[in-house]
Amino acid sequence: MKKGEIWLADLPQQSGKEREGTRPILMLSDTKVGLTIIIPFTSSTQLSGYEYTIMIPKSNENGLNLDSTLSLFQIRSLDKKRLIHKLGNLENNHLNEINKTLKELLKL
C-alpha cells in the first residue's frame, strides 16, 4: 500500500459527522502496526466549497465511479482488515494539492 492509492474500505459506524460505511478512501500512509492513515471520500459535491476540501473528478486512473470530495479534516487511522480492494491511483496534480493543503491544515 502506497500513498496516493485509492481503496474501497468498510469504515466503522461513527457518531456525529464522521464518514462511515463502504466507500473509497485515499491512502496517506501505511504503518507497521496494522493501521493505515487515510482520508475518506464522499460523493457529496456540496462540501467542495468548504475550507480544506478538494474535489476529485472520476477517472480511469483513480477508479472512482463518481466525482467525489476529500475533506482533509476527516484524516484518521483505519485497521488494514477494513480494506476491501484497490480501485486506482490518485493523479499527481491532486496529490500535490493534497500535500500542500495538509501542510497548511496541520501547521507543518
N, C-alpha and C. Protein backbone atom coordinates (compact mmCIF):
# COMPACT_ATOMS: atom_id res chain seq x y z
N MET A 1 0.84 -1.18 0.00
CA MET A 1 0.00 0.00 0.00
C MET A 1 0.88 1.24 0.00
N LYS A 2 0.53 2.18 -0.88
CA LYS A 2 1.35 3.37 -1.03
C LYS A 2 0.49 4.63 -0.98
N LYS A 3 1.13 5.71 -0.59
CA LYS A 3 0.45 7.00 -0.58
C LYS A 3 -0.09 7.30 -1.98
N GLY A 4 -1.33 7.76 -2.02
CA GLY A 4 -1.95 8.10 -3.29
C GLY A 4 -2.83 7.02 -3.87
N GLU A 5 -2.77 5.81 -3.30
CA GLU A 5 -3.66 4.75 -3.76
C GLU A 5 -5.07 5.02 -3.26
N ILE A 6 -6.05 4.63 -4.06
CA ILE A 6 -7.45 4.73 -3.66
C ILE A 6 -7.97 3.32 -3.49
N TRP A 7 -8.55 3.06 -2.32
CA TRP A 7 -9.07 1.75 -1.96
C TRP A 7 -10.55 1.86 -1.60
N LEU A 8 -11.26 0.78 -1.77
CA LEU A 8 -12.60 0.66 -1.22
C LEU A 8 -12.42 0.09 0.18
N ALA A 9 -13.08 0.69 1.16
CA ALA A 9 -12.91 0.26 2.55
C ALA A 9 -14.25 0.28 3.27
N ASP A 10 -14.32 -0.50 4.33
CA ASP A 10 -15.50 -0.54 5.18
C ASP A 10 -15.19 0.27 6.43
N LEU A 11 -15.70 1.49 6.50
CA LEU A 11 -15.44 2.36 7.65
C LEU A 11 -16.46 2.07 8.74
N PRO A 12 -15.99 1.89 9.98
CA PRO A 12 -16.91 1.53 11.06
C PRO A 12 -17.91 2.66 11.35
N GLN A 13 -19.05 2.26 11.91
CA GLN A 13 -20.07 3.24 12.26
C GLN A 13 -19.51 4.20 13.29
N GLN A 14 -19.77 5.46 13.08
CA GLN A 14 -19.28 6.52 13.95
C GLN A 14 -20.47 7.32 14.47
N SER A 15 -20.18 8.31 15.25
CA SER A 15 -21.23 9.23 15.66
C SER A 15 -20.89 10.61 15.12
N GLY A 16 -21.86 11.46 15.02
CA GLY A 16 -21.60 12.81 14.54
C GLY A 16 -21.43 12.87 13.05
N LYS A 17 -20.44 13.64 12.58
CA LYS A 17 -20.27 13.92 11.15
C LYS A 17 -19.14 13.12 10.51
N GLU A 18 -18.65 12.10 11.18
CA GLU A 18 -17.57 11.29 10.63
C GLU A 18 -18.11 10.37 9.54
N ARG A 19 -17.31 10.16 8.51
CA ARG A 19 -17.69 9.29 7.40
C ARG A 19 -17.72 7.84 7.87
N GLU A 20 -18.68 7.07 7.34
CA GLU A 20 -18.81 5.66 7.70
C GLU A 20 -19.33 4.88 6.51
N GLY A 21 -19.34 3.57 6.61
CA GLY A 21 -19.87 2.71 5.56
C GLY A 21 -18.82 2.33 4.53
N THR A 22 -19.24 1.59 3.52
CA THR A 22 -18.34 1.17 2.45
C THR A 22 -18.19 2.32 1.48
N ARG A 23 -16.94 2.78 1.33
CA ARG A 23 -16.67 3.94 0.49
C ARG A 23 -15.19 3.96 0.08
N PRO A 24 -14.87 4.74 -0.94
CA PRO A 24 -13.46 4.89 -1.31
C PRO A 24 -12.71 5.71 -0.26
N ILE A 25 -11.45 5.37 -0.10
CA ILE A 25 -10.57 6.13 0.80
C ILE A 25 -9.26 6.42 0.05
N LEU A 26 -8.60 7.49 0.46
CA LEU A 26 -7.27 7.81 -0.06
C LEU A 26 -6.24 7.36 0.96
N MET A 27 -5.29 6.56 0.51
CA MET A 27 -4.21 6.09 1.36
C MET A 27 -3.17 7.19 1.52
N LEU A 28 -2.86 7.54 2.78
CA LEU A 28 -1.81 8.52 3.04
C LEU A 28 -0.54 7.86 3.52
N SER A 29 -0.68 6.85 4.40
CA SER A 29 0.50 6.22 4.97
C SER A 29 0.16 4.82 5.45
N ASP A 30 1.09 3.93 5.31
CA ASP A 30 0.97 2.56 5.80
C ASP A 30 1.87 2.46 7.03
N THR A 31 1.41 1.77 8.06
CA THR A 31 2.23 1.61 9.26
C THR A 31 2.57 0.14 9.46
N LYS A 32 3.47 -0.12 10.38
CA LYS A 32 3.87 -1.50 10.67
C LYS A 32 3.05 -2.09 11.82
N VAL A 33 2.04 -1.37 12.28
CA VAL A 33 1.23 -1.85 13.41
C VAL A 33 -0.18 -2.23 12.98
N GLY A 34 -0.39 -2.50 11.69
CA GLY A 34 -1.68 -2.96 11.22
C GLY A 34 -2.68 -1.85 10.93
N LEU A 35 -2.24 -0.61 10.95
CA LEU A 35 -3.11 0.52 10.66
C LEU A 35 -2.62 1.28 9.44
N THR A 36 -3.55 1.94 8.78
CA THR A 36 -3.20 2.86 7.70
C THR A 36 -3.76 4.23 8.07
N ILE A 37 -3.16 5.27 7.53
CA ILE A 37 -3.66 6.63 7.70
C ILE A 37 -4.38 6.98 6.40
N ILE A 38 -5.66 7.37 6.51
CA ILE A 38 -6.50 7.54 5.33
C ILE A 38 -7.32 8.83 5.41
N ILE A 39 -7.88 9.18 4.27
CA ILE A 39 -8.92 10.22 4.19
C ILE A 39 -10.06 9.61 3.40
N PRO A 40 -11.27 9.57 3.97
CA PRO A 40 -12.40 9.02 3.23
C PRO A 40 -12.95 10.00 2.19
N PHE A 41 -13.43 9.46 1.09
CA PHE A 41 -14.11 10.25 0.06
C PHE A 41 -15.59 10.33 0.40
N THR A 42 -16.25 11.36 -0.11
CA THR A 42 -17.70 11.44 -0.10
C THR A 42 -18.15 11.85 -1.50
N SER A 43 -19.31 11.35 -1.90
CA SER A 43 -19.83 11.73 -3.21
C SER A 43 -20.61 13.04 -3.14
N SER A 44 -20.71 13.62 -1.95
CA SER A 44 -21.40 14.89 -1.78
C SER A 44 -20.53 16.02 -2.31
N THR A 45 -20.91 16.55 -3.45
CA THR A 45 -20.13 17.66 -4.03
C THR A 45 -20.48 18.99 -3.37
N GLN A 46 -21.48 19.01 -2.51
CA GLN A 46 -21.85 20.23 -1.78
C GLN A 46 -20.74 20.67 -0.85
N LEU A 47 -19.90 19.75 -0.41
CA LEU A 47 -18.81 20.07 0.51
C LEU A 47 -17.62 20.72 -0.18
N SER A 48 -17.59 20.68 -1.51
CA SER A 48 -16.39 21.11 -2.24
C SER A 48 -16.05 22.58 -2.04
N GLY A 49 -16.96 23.39 -1.53
CA GLY A 49 -16.66 24.79 -1.31
C GLY A 49 -16.08 25.09 0.06
N TYR A 50 -16.06 24.10 0.94
CA TYR A 50 -15.55 24.31 2.29
C TYR A 50 -14.02 24.33 2.31
N GLU A 51 -13.49 24.98 3.32
CA GLU A 51 -12.05 25.02 3.52
C GLU A 51 -11.52 23.60 3.78
N TYR A 52 -10.37 23.29 3.24
CA TYR A 52 -9.69 22.01 3.40
C TYR A 52 -10.44 20.85 2.74
N THR A 53 -11.17 21.15 1.66
CA THR A 53 -11.78 20.10 0.85
C THR A 53 -11.24 20.21 -0.57
N ILE A 54 -11.16 19.08 -1.23
CA ILE A 54 -10.66 19.03 -2.59
C ILE A 54 -11.57 18.14 -3.42
N MET A 55 -12.05 18.68 -4.52
CA MET A 55 -12.92 17.94 -5.44
C MET A 55 -12.04 17.07 -6.35
N ILE A 56 -12.39 15.80 -6.46
CA ILE A 56 -11.64 14.86 -7.30
C ILE A 56 -12.60 14.30 -8.35
N PRO A 57 -12.40 14.67 -9.63
CA PRO A 57 -13.26 14.11 -10.67
C PRO A 57 -12.95 12.62 -10.90
N LYS A 58 -13.97 11.85 -11.22
CA LYS A 58 -13.76 10.43 -11.51
C LYS A 58 -12.89 10.30 -12.76
N SER A 59 -12.09 9.23 -12.79
CA SER A 59 -11.25 8.96 -13.96
C SER A 59 -10.92 7.48 -14.00
N ASN A 60 -10.43 7.03 -15.13
CA ASN A 60 -9.99 5.64 -15.24
C ASN A 60 -8.81 5.37 -14.33
N GLU A 61 -7.92 6.35 -14.17
CA GLU A 61 -6.73 6.16 -13.35
C GLU A 61 -7.07 6.01 -11.87
N ASN A 62 -7.98 6.88 -11.36
CA ASN A 62 -8.26 6.82 -9.93
C ASN A 62 -9.33 5.79 -9.56
N GLY A 63 -10.10 5.32 -10.52
CA GLY A 63 -11.06 4.26 -10.26
C GLY A 63 -12.34 4.69 -9.57
N LEU A 64 -12.51 5.99 -9.33
CA LEU A 64 -13.75 6.47 -8.71
C LEU A 64 -14.88 6.37 -9.73
N ASN A 65 -16.07 6.00 -9.30
CA ASN A 65 -17.19 5.93 -10.24
C ASN A 65 -18.07 7.17 -10.19
N LEU A 66 -17.77 8.10 -9.26
CA LEU A 66 -18.46 9.38 -9.16
C LEU A 66 -17.45 10.47 -8.86
N ASP A 67 -17.73 11.70 -9.31
CA ASP A 67 -16.94 12.83 -8.84
C ASP A 67 -17.10 12.87 -7.32
N SER A 68 -16.00 13.06 -6.61
CA SER A 68 -16.02 12.92 -5.15
C SER A 68 -15.24 14.04 -4.49
N THR A 69 -15.50 14.22 -3.20
CA THR A 69 -14.83 15.25 -2.42
C THR A 69 -14.02 14.59 -1.31
N LEU A 70 -12.80 15.09 -1.12
CA LEU A 70 -11.99 14.71 0.03
C LEU A 70 -12.06 15.84 1.04
N SER A 71 -12.50 15.54 2.24
CA SER A 71 -12.49 16.50 3.33
C SER A 71 -11.24 16.19 4.15
N LEU A 72 -10.20 16.99 3.97
CA LEU A 72 -8.93 16.65 4.58
C LEU A 72 -8.98 16.67 6.11
N PHE A 73 -9.94 17.37 6.68
CA PHE A 73 -10.09 17.38 8.14
C PHE A 73 -10.66 16.07 8.67
N GLN A 74 -11.00 15.11 7.77
CA GLN A 74 -11.51 13.80 8.17
C GLN A 74 -10.38 12.76 8.25
N ILE A 75 -9.12 13.18 8.20
CA ILE A 75 -7.98 12.28 8.27
C ILE A 75 -8.07 11.40 9.52
N ARG A 76 -7.75 10.11 9.36
CA ARG A 76 -7.81 9.20 10.51
C ARG A 76 -7.08 7.90 10.22
N SER A 77 -6.95 7.07 11.24
CA SER A 77 -6.34 5.76 11.07
C SER A 77 -7.45 4.72 10.86
N LEU A 78 -7.08 3.64 10.18
CA LEU A 78 -8.02 2.58 9.87
C LEU A 78 -7.28 1.25 9.90
N ASP A 79 -7.88 0.25 10.51
CA ASP A 79 -7.31 -1.09 10.54
C ASP A 79 -7.24 -1.63 9.10
N LYS A 80 -6.12 -2.21 8.74
CA LYS A 80 -5.93 -2.75 7.39
C LYS A 80 -6.95 -3.83 7.04
N LYS A 81 -7.52 -4.47 8.03
CA LYS A 81 -8.53 -5.50 7.79
C LYS A 81 -9.79 -4.91 7.16
N ARG A 82 -9.97 -3.61 7.24
CA ARG A 82 -11.16 -2.96 6.69
C ARG A 82 -11.01 -2.60 5.21
N LEU A 83 -9.81 -2.80 4.66
CA LEU A 83 -9.59 -2.53 3.24
C LEU A 83 -10.16 -3.67 2.41
N ILE A 84 -10.93 -3.34 1.37
CA ILE A 84 -11.58 -4.36 0.56
C ILE A 84 -10.77 -4.66 -0.70
N HIS A 85 -10.55 -3.64 -1.54
CA HIS A 85 -9.69 -3.81 -2.71
C HIS A 85 -9.28 -2.44 -3.25
N LYS A 86 -8.19 -2.45 -3.98
CA LYS A 86 -7.67 -1.22 -4.58
C LYS A 86 -8.51 -0.84 -5.79
N LEU A 87 -8.83 0.47 -5.88
CA LEU A 87 -9.59 0.98 -7.02
C LEU A 87 -8.68 1.61 -8.07
N GLY A 88 -7.64 2.31 -7.63
CA GLY A 88 -6.77 3.00 -8.56
C GLY A 88 -5.77 3.88 -7.84
N ASN A 89 -5.23 4.85 -8.58
CA ASN A 89 -4.23 5.78 -8.03
C ASN A 89 -4.66 7.21 -8.31
N LEU A 90 -4.50 8.05 -7.31
CA LEU A 90 -4.82 9.46 -7.47
C LEU A 90 -3.79 10.12 -8.37
N GLU A 91 -4.26 10.98 -9.24
CA GLU A 91 -3.38 11.68 -10.16
C GLU A 91 -2.44 12.61 -9.38
N ASN A 92 -1.21 12.78 -9.90
CA ASN A 92 -0.18 13.55 -9.19
C ASN A 92 -0.58 14.99 -8.93
N ASN A 93 -1.30 15.64 -9.85
CA ASN A 93 -1.67 17.03 -9.60
C ASN A 93 -2.59 17.15 -8.38
N HIS A 94 -3.49 16.19 -8.18
CA HIS A 94 -4.35 16.20 -7.00
C HIS A 94 -3.56 15.86 -5.74
N LEU A 95 -2.63 14.91 -5.85
CA LEU A 95 -1.81 14.53 -4.70
C LEU A 95 -0.95 15.70 -4.25
N ASN A 96 -0.41 16.46 -5.18
CA ASN A 96 0.37 17.64 -4.83
C ASN A 96 -0.49 18.68 -4.11
N GLU A 97 -1.72 18.87 -4.57
CA GLU A 97 -2.64 19.81 -3.92
C GLU A 97 -2.98 19.34 -2.50
N ILE A 98 -3.17 18.04 -2.33
CA ILE A 98 -3.46 17.48 -1.01
C ILE A 98 -2.28 17.68 -0.08
N ASN A 99 -1.07 17.40 -0.55
CA ASN A 99 0.12 17.60 0.27
C ASN A 99 0.22 19.04 0.75
N LYS A 100 0.01 19.98 -0.15
CA LYS A 100 0.07 21.41 0.19
C LYS A 100 -1.01 21.77 1.22
N THR A 101 -2.21 21.28 1.01
CA THR A 101 -3.33 21.61 1.90
C THR A 101 -3.15 20.96 3.27
N LEU A 102 -2.64 19.73 3.31
CA LEU A 102 -2.37 19.08 4.61
C LEU A 102 -1.33 19.82 5.41
N LYS A 103 -0.30 20.33 4.75
CA LYS A 103 0.72 21.12 5.45
C LYS A 103 0.08 22.35 6.09
N GLU A 104 -0.81 22.98 5.37
CA GLU A 104 -1.50 24.14 5.91
C GLU A 104 -2.43 23.76 7.06
N LEU A 105 -3.22 22.71 6.85
CA LEU A 105 -4.17 22.27 7.86
C LEU A 105 -3.49 21.84 9.16
N LEU A 106 -2.39 21.09 9.04
CA LEU A 106 -1.69 20.53 10.19
C LEU A 106 -0.59 21.45 10.72
N LYS A 107 -0.46 22.61 10.10
CA LYS A 107 0.54 23.61 10.53
C LYS A 107 1.95 23.02 10.51
N LEU A 108 2.29 22.32 9.42
CA LEU A 108 3.62 21.70 9.29
C LEU A 108 4.59 22.64 8.60
